Amino acid sequence: MPTSPGPLLQSMDALWTTLRTDIPDLPRVRIAVAPASPSSNHGPERWIEEADGLVSGLVVTASTLDEGEDAVLECILHEAAHLLNWVRGLKDTTMRGGYHNAQYLAAAEEVGLRWPDDTPRATSKGYASVGLVDETRARYADNLAALRRTIPEALPHLTVPESSTRSRQPDRLTMRCKCQPKPRNIRVAQTVAAQGPITCGVCGAAFAVTEA
């Protein structure tokens, strides 16, 4: 009988706990499920550290769930590589978050993904298409079994709360520097803005919150 997403989310949380056992640098996260990804941008601006210390922004889509447990594991490991670079302050994408560079590949290999041997990187996506290998499947065999059980139980009647895909927006602030004639805007999490001034490297002034 189909059930709520609860057991599915628990199985994904358990997978993340196992992953953090291997790689302690990874932060605690709040994994969400959604009909579709809110953005195709894989850049760092999507990650938000919430008030409870968990990082939001890791979304597993219904289409990924429909592809099965291997696809879900690959998706979560792909995002883990981005998060690993985020916490380390490393830039791993360019071209509006689409091109995955060598920094990304290094992190992807650290979490258990591999780029096919003797294969050139893609012109537009770089190393985005890293994939699972048998060694990684074996490492997470218990987690794959749990996903195999919980995905079909939840997917047919999956109801995604509205807050899962929209809660990120109110937490972000638009801030503007004093560059002339065209000030620059940035969008940051409220928790990031609260840590102290963010200085523009061009005009030297601090970015200030704007309603624009």
C-alpha atoms as a PDB file:
ATOM      1  CA  MET A   1       0.000   0.000   0.000  1.00  0.00           C
ATOM      2  CA  PRO A   2       1.393   3.438  -0.883  1.00  0.00           C
ATOM      3  CA  THR A   3       2.531   5.466   2.105  1.00  0.00           C
ATOM      4  CA  SER A   4       3.567   9.044   2.879  1.00  0.00           C
ATOM      5  CA  PRO A   5       7.065  10.255   1.925  1.00  0.00           C
ATOM      6  CA  GLY A   6       8.173   9.815   5.543  1.00  0.00           C
ATOM      7  CA  PRO A   7       9.912   6.425   5.142  1.00  0.00           C
ATOM      8  CA  LEU A   8      11.480   7.574   1.871  1.00  0.00           C
ATOM      9  CA  LEU A   9      12.895  10.720   3.480  1.00  0.00           C
ATOM     10  CA  GLN A  10      14.151   8.621   6.387  1.00  0.00           C
ATOM     11  CA  SER A  11      15.982   6.300   3.989  1.00  0.00           C
ATOM     12  CA  MET A  12      17.617   9.265   2.250  1.00  0.00           C
ATOM     13  CA  ASP A  13      18.564  10.798   5.610  1.00  0.00           C
ATOM     14  CA  ALA A  14      20.121   7.464   6.621  1.00  0.00           C
ATOM     15  CA  LEU A  15      22.117   7.465   3.385  1.00  0.00           C
ATOM     16  CA  TRP A  16      23.396  10.957   4.168  1.00  0.00           C
ATOM     17  CA  THR A  17      24.367   9.878   7.687  1.00  0.00           C
ATOM     18  CA  THR A  18      26.405   7.010   6.232  1.00  0.00           C
ATOM     19  CA  LEU A  19      28.034   9.396   3.790  1.00  0.00           C
ATOM     20  CA  ARG A  20      28.977  11.822   6.574  1.00  0.00           C
ATOM     21  CA  THR A  21      30.570   8.923   8.468  1.00  0.00           C
ATOM     22  CA  ASP A  22      32.965   8.559   5.548  1.00  0.00           C
ATOM     23  CA  ILE A  23      33.352  12.304   4.900  1.00  0.00           C
ATOM     24  CA  PRO A  24      32.903  14.345   8.118  1.00  0.00           C
ATOM     25  CA  ASP A  25      33.386  17.632   6.223  1.00  0.00           C
ATOM     26  CA  LEU A  26      29.888  17.298   4.813  1.00  0.00           C
ATOM     27  CA  PRO A  27      27.263  19.344   6.697  1.00  0.00           C
ATOM     28  CA  ARG A  28      23.939  18.098   8.000  1.00  0.00           C
ATOM     29  CA  VAL A  29      21.269  18.627   5.378  1.00  0.00           C
ATOM     30  CA  ARG A  30      17.512  18.767   4.977  1.00  0.00           C
ATOM     31  CA  ILE A  31      16.714  16.652   1.908  1.00  0.00           C
ATOM     32  CA  ALA A  32      13.514  17.562   0.064  1.00  0.00           C
ATOM     33  CA  VAL A  33      11.506  15.877  -2.671  1.00  0.00           C
ATOM     34  CA  ALA A  34       9.767  17.868  -5.392  1.00  0.00           C
ATOM     35  CA  PRO A  35       7.987  17.340  -8.723  1.00  0.00           C
ATOM     36  CA  ALA A  36      10.857  19.151 -10.455  1.00  0.00           C
ATOM     37  CA  SER A  37      14.060  20.909  -9.524  1.00  0.00           C
ATOM     38  CA  PRO A  38      13.540  24.610  -8.661  1.00  0.00           C
ATOM     39  CA  SER A  39      16.604  25.451 -10.776  1.00  0.00           C
ATOM     40  CA  SER A  40      19.105  23.857 -13.139  1.00  0.00           C
ATOM     41  CA  ASN A  41      21.820  26.057 -11.641  1.00  0.00           C
ATOM     42  CA  HIS A  42      24.335  23.960  -9.718  1.00  0.00           C
ATOM     43  CA  GLY A  43      26.090  27.002  -8.302  1.00  0.00           C
ATOM     44  CA  PRO A  44      26.682  27.594  -4.583  1.00  0.00           C
ATOM     45  CA  GLU A  45      23.960  30.230  -4.140  1.00  0.00           C
ATOM     46  CA  ARG A  46      21.287  27.549  -3.740  1.00  0.00           C
ATOM     47  CA  TRP A  47      22.706  26.303  -0.439  1.00  0.00           C
ATOM     48  CA  ILE A  48      21.241  27.925   2.675  1.00  0.00           C
ATOM     49  CA  GLU A  49      22.229  27.213   6.254  1.00  0.00           C
ATOM     50  CA  GLU A  50      18.999  27.363   8.225  1.00  0.00           C
ATOM     51  CA  ALA A  51      18.572  28.542  11.811  1.00  0.00           C
ATOM     52  CA  ASP A  52      18.688  24.949  13.084  1.00  0.00           C
ATOM     53  CA  GLY A  53      22.077  24.386  11.466  1.00  0.00           C
ATOM     54  CA  LEU A  54      20.825  22.191   8.637  1.00  0.00           C
ATOM     55  CA  VAL A  55      21.645  23.125   5.039  1.00  0.00           C
ATOM     56  CA  SER A  56      18.732  23.213   2.598  1.00  0.00           C
ATOM     57  CA  GLY A  57      18.882  23.079  -1.179  1.00  0.00           C
ATOM     58  CA  LEU A  58      19.333  19.354  -1.802  1.00  0.00           C
ATOM     59  CA  VAL A  59      16.289  18.368  -3.854  1.00  0.00           C
ATOM     60  CA  VAL A  60      15.511  14.921  -5.258  1.00  0.00           C
ATOM     61  CA  THR A  61      12.938  15.172  -8.039  1.00  0.00           C
ATOM     62  CA  ALA A  62      10.059  12.829  -8.749  1.00  0.00           C
ATOM     63  CA  SER A  63      11.620  11.932 -12.100  1.00  0.00           C
ATOM     64  CA  THR A  64      14.829  10.865 -10.333  1.00  0.00           C
ATOM     65  CA  LEU A  65      12.814   8.761  -7.901  1.00  0.00           C
ATOM     66  CA  ASP A  66      11.028   7.170 -10.830  1.00  0.00           C
ATOM     67  CA  GLU A  67      14.384   6.053 -12.257  1.00  0.00           C
ATOM     68  CA  GLY A  68      15.062   3.969  -9.154  1.00  0.00           C
ATOM     69  CA  GLU A  69      17.465   3.668  -6.264  1.00  0.00           C
ATOM     70  CA  ASP A  70      20.683   3.922  -8.311  1.00  0.00           C
ATOM     71  CA  ALA A  71      19.553   7.251  -9.763  1.00  0.00           C
ATOM     72  CA  VAL A  72      18.695   8.560  -6.285  1.00  0.00           C
ATOM     73  CA  LEU A  73      22.076   7.516  -4.882  1.00  0.00           C
ATOM     74  CA  GLU A  74      23.867   9.111  -7.840  1.00  0.00           C
ATOM     75  CA  CYS A  75      21.839  12.325  -7.415  1.00  0.00           C
ATOM     76  CA  ILE A  76      22.608  12.592  -3.700  1.00  0.00           C
ATOM     77  CA  LEU A  77      26.307  11.888  -4.231  1.00  0.00           C
ATOM     78  CA  HIS A  78      26.410  14.457  -7.042  1.00  0.00           C
ATOM     79  CA  GLU A  79      24.972  17.061  -4.703  1.00  0.00           C
ATOM     80  CA  ALA A  80      27.291  15.937  -1.903  1.00  0.00           C
ATOM     81  CA  ALA A  81      30.272  16.780  -4.103  1.00  0.00           C
ATOM     82  CA  HIS A  82      28.929  20.298  -4.624  1.00  0.00           C
ATOM     83  CA  LEU A  83      28.287  20.682  -0.899  1.00  0.00           C
ATOM     84  CA  LEU A  84      31.787  19.487  -0.078  1.00  0.00           C
ATOM     85  CA  ASN A  85      33.245  22.250  -2.249  1.00  0.00           C
ATOM     86  CA  TRP A  86      30.773  24.749  -0.783  1.00  0.00           C
ATOM     87  CA  VAL A  87      31.905  24.138   2.797  1.00  0.00           C
ATOM     88  CA  ARG A  88      35.544  24.251   1.668  1.00  0.00           C
ATOM     89  CA  GLY A  89      35.065  27.521  -0.217  1.00  0.00           C
ATOM     90  CA  LEU A  90      35.996  26.043  -3.599  1.00  0.00           C
ATOM     91  CA  LYS A  91      34.389  27.167  -6.853  1.00  0.00           C
ATOM     92  CA  ASP A  92      33.364  24.068  -8.806  1.00  0.00           C
ATOM     93  CA  THR A  93      31.053  25.444 -11.514  1.00  0.00           C
ATOM     94  CA  THR A  94      31.045  28.193 -14.107  1.00  0.00           C
ATOM     95  CA  MET A  95      28.668  29.245 -16.894  1.00  0.00           C
ATOM     96  CA  ARG A  96      25.787  29.952 -14.496  1.00  0.00           C
ATOM     97  CA  GLY A  97      26.276  26.725 -12.595  1.00  0.00           C
ATOM     98  CA  GLY A  98      26.213  24.504 -15.662  1.00  0.00           C
ATOM     99  CA  TYR A  99      29.886  23.727 -16.319  1.00  0.00           C
ATOM    100  CA  HIS A 100      31.441  21.371 -13.735  1.00  0.00           C
ATOM    101  CA  ASN A 101      35.186  21.949 -13.490  1.00  0.00           C
ATOM    102  CA  ALA A 102      38.136  19.934 -12.163  1.00  0.00           C
ATOM    103  CA  GLN A 103      37.404  21.042  -8.590  1.00  0.00           C
ATOM    104  CA  TYR A 104      34.028  19.378  -8.941  1.00  0.00           C
ATOM    105  CA  LEU A 105      35.546  16.192 -10.387  1.00  0.00           C
ATOM    106  CA  ALA A 106      37.933  15.893  -7.433  1.00  0.00           C
ATOM    107  CA  ALA A 107      35.077  16.188  -4.942  1.00  0.00           C
ATOM    108  CA  ALA A 108      32.904  13.801  -6.960  1.00  0.00           C
ATOM    109  CA  GLU A 109      35.627  11.172  -6.839  1.00  0.00           C
ATOM    110  CA  GLU A 110      35.949  11.718  -3.093  1.00  0.00           C
ATOM    111  CA  VAL A 111      32.264  10.883  -2.534  1.00  0.00           C
ATOM    112  CA  GLY A 112      32.393   7.803  -4.780  1.00  0.00           C
ATOM    113  CA  LEU A 113      31.529   8.944  -8.295  1.00  0.00           C
ATOM    114  CA  ARG A 114      33.801   8.390 -11.285  1.00  0.00           C
ATOM    115  CA  TRP A 115      34.424   9.944 -14.688  1.00  0.00           C
ATOM    116  CA  PRO A 116      34.781   7.288 -17.439  1.00  0.00           C
ATOM    117  CA  ASP A 117      38.421   6.556 -18.242  1.00  0.00           C
ATOM    118  CA  ASP A 118      39.822   8.042 -21.444  1.00  0.00           C
ATOM    119  CA  THR A 119      36.703  10.164 -21.937  1.00  0.00           C
ATOM    120  CA  PRO A 120      37.164  13.893 -22.668  1.00  0.00           C
ATOM    121  CA  ARG A 121      35.156  16.318 -20.588  1.00  0.00           C
ATOM    122  CA  ALA A 122      31.984  17.640 -22.171  1.00  0.00           C
ATOM    123  CA  THR A 123      32.307  21.047 -23.808  1.00  0.00           C
ATOM    124  CA  SER A 124      29.214  22.580 -22.180  1.00  0.00           C
ATOM    125  CA  LYS A 125      28.881  20.580 -18.946  1.00  0.00           C
ATOM    126  CA  GLY A 126      32.462  19.657 -18.063  1.00  0.00           C
ATOM    127  CA  TYR A 127      32.526  16.739 -15.626  1.00  0.00           C
ATOM    128  CA  ALA A 128      28.833  16.899 -14.731  1.00  0.00           C
ATOM    129  CA  SER A 129      28.096  13.342 -15.894  1.00  0.00           C
ATOM    130  CA  VAL A 130      30.170  11.447 -13.334  1.00  0.00           C
ATOM    131  CA  GLY A 131      28.490   8.180 -12.392  1.00  0.00           C
ATOM    132  CA  LEU A 132      28.282   5.288  -9.964  1.00  0.00           C
ATOM    133  CA  VAL A 133      30.768   2.422  -9.888  1.00  0.00           C
ATOM    134  CA  ASP A 134      30.338  -1.041  -8.395  1.00  0.00           C
ATOM    135  CA  GLU A 135      32.551  -0.211  -5.413  1.00  0.00           C
ATOM    136  CA  THR A 136      30.239   2.654  -4.443  1.00  0.00           C
ATOM    137  CA  ARG A 137      27.122   0.523  -4.924  1.00  0.00           C
ATOM    138  CA  ALA A 138      28.622  -2.070  -2.594  1.00  0.00           C
ATOM    139  CA  ARG A 139      29.481   0.586   0.021  1.00  0.00           C
ATOM    140  CA  TYR A 140      25.870   1.771   0.108  1.00  0.00           C
ATOM    141  CA  ALA A 141      24.172  -1.594  -0.473  1.00  0.00           C
ATOM    142  CA  ASP A 142      22.021  -1.328   2.662  1.00  0.00           C
ATOM    143  CA  ASN A 143      20.934   2.206   1.730  1.00  0.00           C
ATOM    144  CA  LEU A 144      20.101   1.109  -1.813  1.00  0.00           C
ATOM    145  CA  ALA A 145      17.968  -1.709  -0.409  1.00  0.00           C
ATOM    146  CA  ALA A 146      16.071   0.773   1.783  1.00  0.00           C
ATOM    147  CA  LEU A 147      15.511   3.093  -1.193  1.00  0.00           C
ATOM    148  CA  ARG A 148      14.377   0.153  -3.329  1.00  0.00           C
ATOM    149  CA  ARG A 149      11.719  -0.566  -0.718  1.00  0.00           C
ATOM    150  CA  THR A 150      10.556   2.969   0.093  1.00  0.00           C
ATOM    151  CA  ILE A 151      10.528   4.600  -3.346  1.00  0.00           C
ATOM    152  CA  PRO A 152       7.645   2.530  -4.792  1.00  0.00           C
ATOM    153  CA  GLU A 153       5.727   2.817  -1.533  1.00  0.00           C
ATOM    154  CA  ALA A 154       5.760   6.613  -1.625  1.00  0.00           C
ATOM    155  CA  LEU A 155       6.097   7.683  -5.251  1.00  0.00           C
ATOM    156  CA  PRO A 156       2.553   6.911  -6.524  1.00  0.00           C
ATOM    157  CA  HIS A 157       0.966   9.123  -3.875  1.00  0.00           C
ATOM    158  CA  LEU A 158       3.773  11.535  -3.218  1.00  0.00           C
ATOM    159  CA  THR A 159       2.497  14.880  -1.971  1.00  0.00           C
ATOM    160  CA  VAL A 160       5.144  17.561  -1.744  1.00  0.00           C
ATOM    161  CA  PRO A 161       4.392  20.312   0.807  1.00  0.00           C
ATOM    162  CA  GLU A 162       4.453  23.772  -0.747  1.00  0.00           C
ATOM    163  CA  SER A 163       7.115  24.846   1.724  1.00  0.00           C
ATOM    164  CA  SER A 164       9.543  22.259   0.366  1.00  0.00           C
ATOM    165  CA  THR A 165      10.096  24.171  -2.861  1.00  0.00           C
ATOM    166  CA  ARG A 166       9.284  27.734  -1.799  1.00  0.00           C
ATOM    167  CA  SER A 167      10.653  28.165   1.697  1.00  0.00           C
ATOM    168  CA  ARG A 168      14.051  29.200   0.357  1.00  0.00           C
ATOM    169  CA  GLN A 169      12.979  32.487  -1.192  1.00  0.00           C
ATOM    170  CA  PRO A 170      11.898  34.470   1.926  1.00  0.00           C
ATOM    171  CA  ASP A 171      15.203  33.618   3.593  1.00  0.00           C
ATOM    172  CA  ARG A 172      17.224  35.431   0.918  1.00  0.00           C
ATOM    173  CA  LEU A 173      18.033  39.133   0.857  1.00  0.00           C
ATOM    174  CA  THR A 174      18.879  41.350  -2.098  1.00  0.00           C
ATOM    175  CA  MET A 175      21.858  43.560  -1.268  1.00  0.00           C
ATOM    176  CA  ARG A 176      23.376  46.401  -3.329  1.00  0.00           C
ATOM    177  CA  CYS A 177      26.773  48.090  -3.327  1.00  0.00           C
ATOM    178  CA  LYS A 178      27.542  51.751  -4.216  1.00  0.00           C
ATOM    179  CA  CYS A 179      29.223  51.227  -7.572  1.00  0.00           C
ATOM    180  CA  GLN A 180      28.389  54.011 -10.048  1.00  0.00           C
ATOM    181  CA  PRO A 181      26.755  54.326 -12.474  1.00  0.00           C
ATOM    182  CA  LYS A 182      25.542  50.727 -12.052  1.00  0.00           C
ATOM    183  CA  PRO A 183      25.461  49.310  -8.513  1.00  0.00           C
ATOM    184  CA  ARG A 184      25.876  45.534  -8.290  1.00  0.00           C
ATOM    185  CA  ASN A 185      23.307  43.303  -6.601  1.00  0.00           C
ATOM    186  CA  ILE A 186      23.855  40.050  -4.747  1.00  0.00           C
ATOM    187  CA  ARG A 187      21.410  37.647  -3.080  1.00  0.00           C
ATOM    188  CA  VAL A 188      22.427  36.001   0.184  1.00  0.00           C
ATOM    189  CA  ALA A 189      20.827  34.095   3.014  1.00  0.00           C
ATOM    190  CA  GLN A 190      19.731  36.127   6.027  1.00  0.00           C
ATOM    191  CA  THR A 191      22.043  34.038   8.204  1.00  0.00           C
ATOM    192  CA  VAL A 192      25.001  34.944   5.971  1.00  0.00           C
ATOM    193  CA  ALA A 193      24.125  38.679   5.973  1.00  0.00           C
ATOM    194  CA  ALA A 194      23.866  38.627   9.766  1.00  0.00           C
ATOM    195  CA  GLN A 195      27.476  37.465  10.148  1.00  0.00           C
ATOM    196  CA  GLY A 196      28.846  40.904   9.221  1.00  0.00           C
ATOM    197  CA  PRO A 197      29.421  43.389   6.371  1.00  0.00           C
ATOM    198  CA  ILE A 198      29.980  42.079   2.857  1.00  0.00           C
ATOM    199  CA  THR A 199      32.342  44.448   1.070  1.00  0.00           C
ATOM    200  CA  CYS A 200      32.333  45.121  -2.673  1.00  0.00           C
ATOM    201  CA  GLY A 201      35.782  44.614  -4.156  1.00  0.00           C
ATOM    202  CA  VAL A 202      35.163  47.335  -6.774  1.00  0.00           C
ATOM    203  CA  CYS A 203      33.801  50.359  -4.893  1.00  0.00           C
ATOM    204  CA  GLY A 204      34.967  49.320  -1.429  1.00  0.00           C
ATOM    205  CA  ALA A 205      31.546  49.929   0.150  1.00  0.00           C
ATOM    206  CA  ALA A 206      29.539  47.383   2.092  1.00  0.00           C
ATOM    207  CA  PHE A 207      26.549  45.817   0.380  1.00  0.00           C
ATOM    208  CA  ALA A 208      23.298  47.107   1.928  1.00  0.00           C
ATOM    209  CA  VAL A 209      19.871  45.481   1.953  1.00  0.00           C
ATOM    210  CA  THR A 210      17.514  46.833  -0.685  1.00  0.00           C
ATOM    211  CA  GLU A 211      13.851  46.202  -1.429  1.00  0.00           C
ATOM    212  CA  ALA A 212      14.587  45.952  -5.140  1.00  0.00           C
END
